[in-house]
Amino acid sequence: MEISFWAKTILIIGVIFIIIGLVMMFLPKITIFQRLGRLPGDIIIKRGNVTFYFPWVTCIIISIILTFIFSILRR
């Protein structure tokens, strides 16, 4: 019996979520990733009980890394 397109898609999405969960579980133990989110240039505004946090530089670095990885995978 052949698995339909949507069944394969849901299966792949599930596997991706499992991989992301495992990476997030072990990510804090890797020292280089502890610095991500607190790089110079990230915006943090604290006023009273409210904290606004926007990881500007972290977003740019992750975008560059993902662009590089996907450009390699496309070839």
N, C-alpha and C. Protein backbone atom coordinates (compact mmCIF):
# COMPACT_ATOMS: atom_id res chain seq x y z
N MET A 1 0.84 -1.16 0.00
CA MET A 1 0.00 0.00 0.00
C MET A 1 0.90 1.24 0.00
N GLU A 2 0.54 2.19 -0.84
CA GLU A 2 1.33 3.40 -1.00
C GLU A 2 0.85 4.48 -0.04
N ILE A 3 1.81 5.15 0.59
CA ILE A 3 1.49 6.24 1.51
C ILE A 3 1.22 7.50 0.68
N SER A 4 0.17 8.20 1.00
CA SER A 4 -0.19 9.39 0.23
C SER A 4 0.77 10.54 0.51
N PHE A 5 0.67 11.56 -0.31
CA PHE A 5 1.55 12.73 -0.19
C PHE A 5 1.39 13.40 1.17
N TRP A 6 0.15 13.58 1.62
CA TRP A 6 -0.10 14.28 2.89
C TRP A 6 0.41 13.46 4.09
N ALA A 7 0.31 12.15 3.99
CA ALA A 7 0.83 11.32 5.08
C ALA A 7 2.34 11.45 5.19
N LYS A 8 3.02 11.48 4.05
CA LYS A 8 4.47 11.67 4.06
C LYS A 8 4.84 13.05 4.61
N THR A 9 4.07 14.06 4.21
CA THR A 9 4.34 15.42 4.67
C THR A 9 4.19 15.52 6.18
N ILE A 10 3.13 14.96 6.73
CA ILE A 10 2.91 15.00 8.18
C ILE A 10 3.99 14.21 8.91
N LEU A 11 4.42 13.10 8.34
CA LEU A 11 5.48 12.31 8.94
C LEU A 11 6.79 13.08 8.97
N ILE A 12 7.12 13.77 7.88
CA ILE A 12 8.35 14.56 7.82
C ILE A 12 8.30 15.71 8.81
N ILE A 13 7.16 16.39 8.91
CA ILE A 13 7.02 17.48 9.87
C ILE A 13 7.19 16.96 11.30
N GLY A 14 6.65 15.79 11.60
CA GLY A 14 6.81 15.19 12.92
C GLY A 14 8.27 14.89 13.24
N VAL A 15 8.98 14.35 12.27
CA VAL A 15 10.40 14.05 12.48
C VAL A 15 11.20 15.34 12.70
N ILE A 16 10.86 16.38 11.95
CA ILE A 16 11.54 17.67 12.13
C ILE A 16 11.30 18.21 13.53
N PHE A 17 10.05 18.10 14.03
CA PHE A 17 9.76 18.56 15.40
C PHE A 17 10.53 17.76 16.44
N ILE A 18 10.68 16.47 16.23
CA ILE A 18 11.45 15.65 17.17
C ILE A 18 12.91 16.08 17.17
N ILE A 19 13.47 16.32 15.99
CA ILE A 19 14.87 16.76 15.91
C ILE A 19 15.05 18.12 16.58
N ILE A 20 14.12 19.05 16.33
CA ILE A 20 14.19 20.37 16.96
C ILE A 20 14.11 20.24 18.48
N GLY A 21 13.24 19.36 18.97
CA GLY A 21 13.11 19.15 20.41
C GLY A 21 14.39 18.61 21.02
N LEU A 22 15.03 17.66 20.34
CA LEU A 22 16.29 17.11 20.85
C LEU A 22 17.40 18.16 20.84
N VAL A 23 17.44 18.96 19.78
CA VAL A 23 18.45 20.02 19.70
C VAL A 23 18.24 21.02 20.82
N MET A 24 16.99 21.40 21.06
CA MET A 24 16.71 22.37 22.13
C MET A 24 17.03 21.80 23.50
N MET A 25 16.93 20.49 23.65
CA MET A 25 17.22 19.86 24.93
C MET A 25 18.72 19.90 25.24
N PHE A 26 19.55 19.72 24.19
CA PHE A 26 20.99 19.67 24.40
C PHE A 26 21.68 20.99 24.10
N LEU A 27 20.97 21.97 23.55
CA LEU A 27 21.55 23.25 23.17
C LEU A 27 22.14 24.03 24.34
N PRO A 28 21.49 24.10 25.51
CA PRO A 28 22.07 24.88 26.61
C PRO A 28 23.41 24.33 27.11
N LYS A 29 23.71 23.09 26.82
CA LYS A 29 24.96 22.51 27.30
C LYS A 29 26.15 22.89 26.42
N ILE A 30 25.88 23.42 25.22
CA ILE A 30 26.94 23.83 24.31
C ILE A 30 27.22 25.32 24.56
N THR A 31 28.45 25.65 24.91
CA THR A 31 28.77 27.01 25.37
C THR A 31 28.59 28.08 24.31
N ILE A 32 28.82 27.77 23.05
CA ILE A 32 28.70 28.80 22.02
C ILE A 32 27.25 29.26 21.87
N PHE A 33 26.30 28.37 22.13
CA PHE A 33 24.89 28.72 21.99
C PHE A 33 24.35 29.45 23.22
N GLN A 34 25.08 29.44 24.33
CA GLN A 34 24.65 30.19 25.50
C GLN A 34 24.77 31.69 25.25
N ARG A 35 25.64 32.08 24.37
CA ARG A 35 25.85 33.50 24.05
C ARG A 35 24.79 34.03 23.09
N LEU A 36 24.20 33.16 22.25
CA LEU A 36 23.18 33.60 21.31
C LEU A 36 22.00 34.17 22.07
N GLY A 37 21.49 35.30 21.61
CA GLY A 37 20.41 35.97 22.29
C GLY A 37 20.87 37.06 23.22
N ARG A 38 22.15 37.09 23.50
CA ARG A 38 22.73 38.13 24.37
C ARG A 38 23.96 38.75 23.72
N LEU A 39 23.90 38.92 22.41
CA LEU A 39 25.02 39.48 21.68
C LEU A 39 24.99 41.01 21.74
N PRO A 40 26.14 41.65 21.57
CA PRO A 40 26.13 43.11 21.49
C PRO A 40 25.29 43.55 20.29
N GLY A 41 24.39 44.48 20.50
CA GLY A 41 23.50 44.93 19.45
C GLY A 41 22.07 44.45 19.63
N ASP A 42 21.86 43.43 20.45
CA ASP A 42 20.51 42.99 20.78
C ASP A 42 19.85 44.05 21.66
N ILE A 43 18.59 44.32 21.41
CA ILE A 43 17.89 45.40 22.09
C ILE A 43 17.18 44.87 23.33
N ILE A 44 17.49 45.45 24.49
CA ILE A 44 16.83 45.11 25.74
C ILE A 44 16.43 46.41 26.42
N ILE A 45 15.12 46.58 26.65
CA ILE A 45 14.62 47.77 27.34
C ILE A 45 13.86 47.30 28.57
N LYS A 46 14.32 47.73 29.76
CA LYS A 46 13.67 47.36 31.02
C LYS A 46 13.08 48.62 31.65
N ARG A 47 11.77 48.59 31.88
CA ARG A 47 11.09 49.70 32.56
C ARG A 47 10.09 49.11 33.53
N GLY A 48 10.37 49.27 34.80
CA GLY A 48 9.47 48.74 35.82
C GLY A 48 9.37 47.23 35.75
N ASN A 49 8.16 46.73 35.61
CA ASN A 49 7.93 45.28 35.54
C ASN A 49 7.91 44.76 34.12
N VAL A 50 8.16 45.63 33.13
CA VAL A 50 8.08 45.25 31.73
C VAL A 50 9.48 45.21 31.13
N THR A 51 9.76 44.15 30.40
CA THR A 51 11.02 44.03 29.69
C THR A 51 10.74 43.75 28.23
N PHE A 52 11.26 44.60 27.35
CA PHE A 52 11.14 44.40 25.91
C PHE A 52 12.49 43.90 25.42
N TYR A 53 12.47 42.79 24.70
CA TYR A 53 13.69 42.16 24.26
C TYR A 53 13.57 41.82 22.79
N PHE A 54 14.48 42.33 21.98
CA PHE A 54 14.52 42.00 20.56
C PHE A 54 15.95 41.63 20.18
N PRO A 55 16.20 40.36 19.88
CA PRO A 55 17.56 39.91 19.54
C PRO A 55 17.92 40.23 18.09
N TRP A 56 18.14 41.49 17.80
CA TRP A 56 18.40 41.99 16.46
C TRP A 56 19.62 41.31 15.82
N VAL A 57 20.75 41.37 16.46
CA VAL A 57 21.99 40.81 15.91
C VAL A 57 21.91 39.29 15.83
N THR A 58 21.29 38.66 16.82
CA THR A 58 21.13 37.22 16.80
C THR A 58 20.30 36.78 15.60
N CYS A 59 19.24 37.51 15.29
CA CYS A 59 18.40 37.20 14.12
C CYS A 59 19.20 37.29 12.83
N ILE A 60 20.04 38.31 12.72
CA ILE A 60 20.85 38.48 11.51
C ILE A 60 21.85 37.34 11.36
N ILE A 61 22.50 36.95 12.45
CA ILE A 61 23.49 35.87 12.40
C ILE A 61 22.82 34.54 12.03
N ILE A 62 21.68 34.24 12.65
CA ILE A 62 20.97 33.00 12.33
C ILE A 62 20.51 33.02 10.87
N SER A 63 20.06 34.16 10.38
CA SER A 63 19.64 34.29 8.99
C SER A 63 20.80 34.01 8.03
N ILE A 64 21.96 34.55 8.33
CA ILE A 64 23.14 34.32 7.49
C ILE A 64 23.53 32.85 7.49
N ILE A 65 23.52 32.23 8.66
CA ILE A 65 23.89 30.81 8.75
C ILE A 65 22.90 29.94 7.99
N LEU A 66 21.60 30.19 8.17
CA LEU A 66 20.59 29.39 7.45
C LEU A 66 20.65 29.61 5.95
N THR A 67 20.91 30.84 5.51
CA THR A 67 21.06 31.11 4.08
C THR A 67 22.23 30.34 3.51
N PHE A 68 23.33 30.30 4.23
CA PHE A 68 24.51 29.55 3.78
C PHE A 68 24.21 28.05 3.70
N ILE A 69 23.55 27.51 4.72
CA ILE A 69 23.23 26.07 4.74
C ILE A 69 22.29 25.71 3.60
N PHE A 70 21.23 26.51 3.40
CA PHE A 70 20.27 26.20 2.34
C PHE A 70 20.87 26.38 0.95
N SER A 71 21.80 27.32 0.78
CA SER A 71 22.43 27.47 -0.53
C SER A 71 23.32 26.28 -0.84
N ILE A 72 23.94 25.71 0.18
CA ILE A 72 24.76 24.50 -0.03
C ILE A 72 23.86 23.31 -0.36
N LEU A 73 22.73 23.19 0.33
CA LEU A 73 21.83 22.06 0.10
C LEU A 73 21.14 22.12 -1.26
N ARG A 74 20.96 23.31 -1.83
CA ARG A 74 20.31 23.44 -3.13
C ARG A 74 21.19 22.94 -4.26
N ARG A 75 22.48 22.94 -4.07
CA ARG A 75 23.40 22.54 -5.15
C ARG A 75 23.46 21.07 -5.33
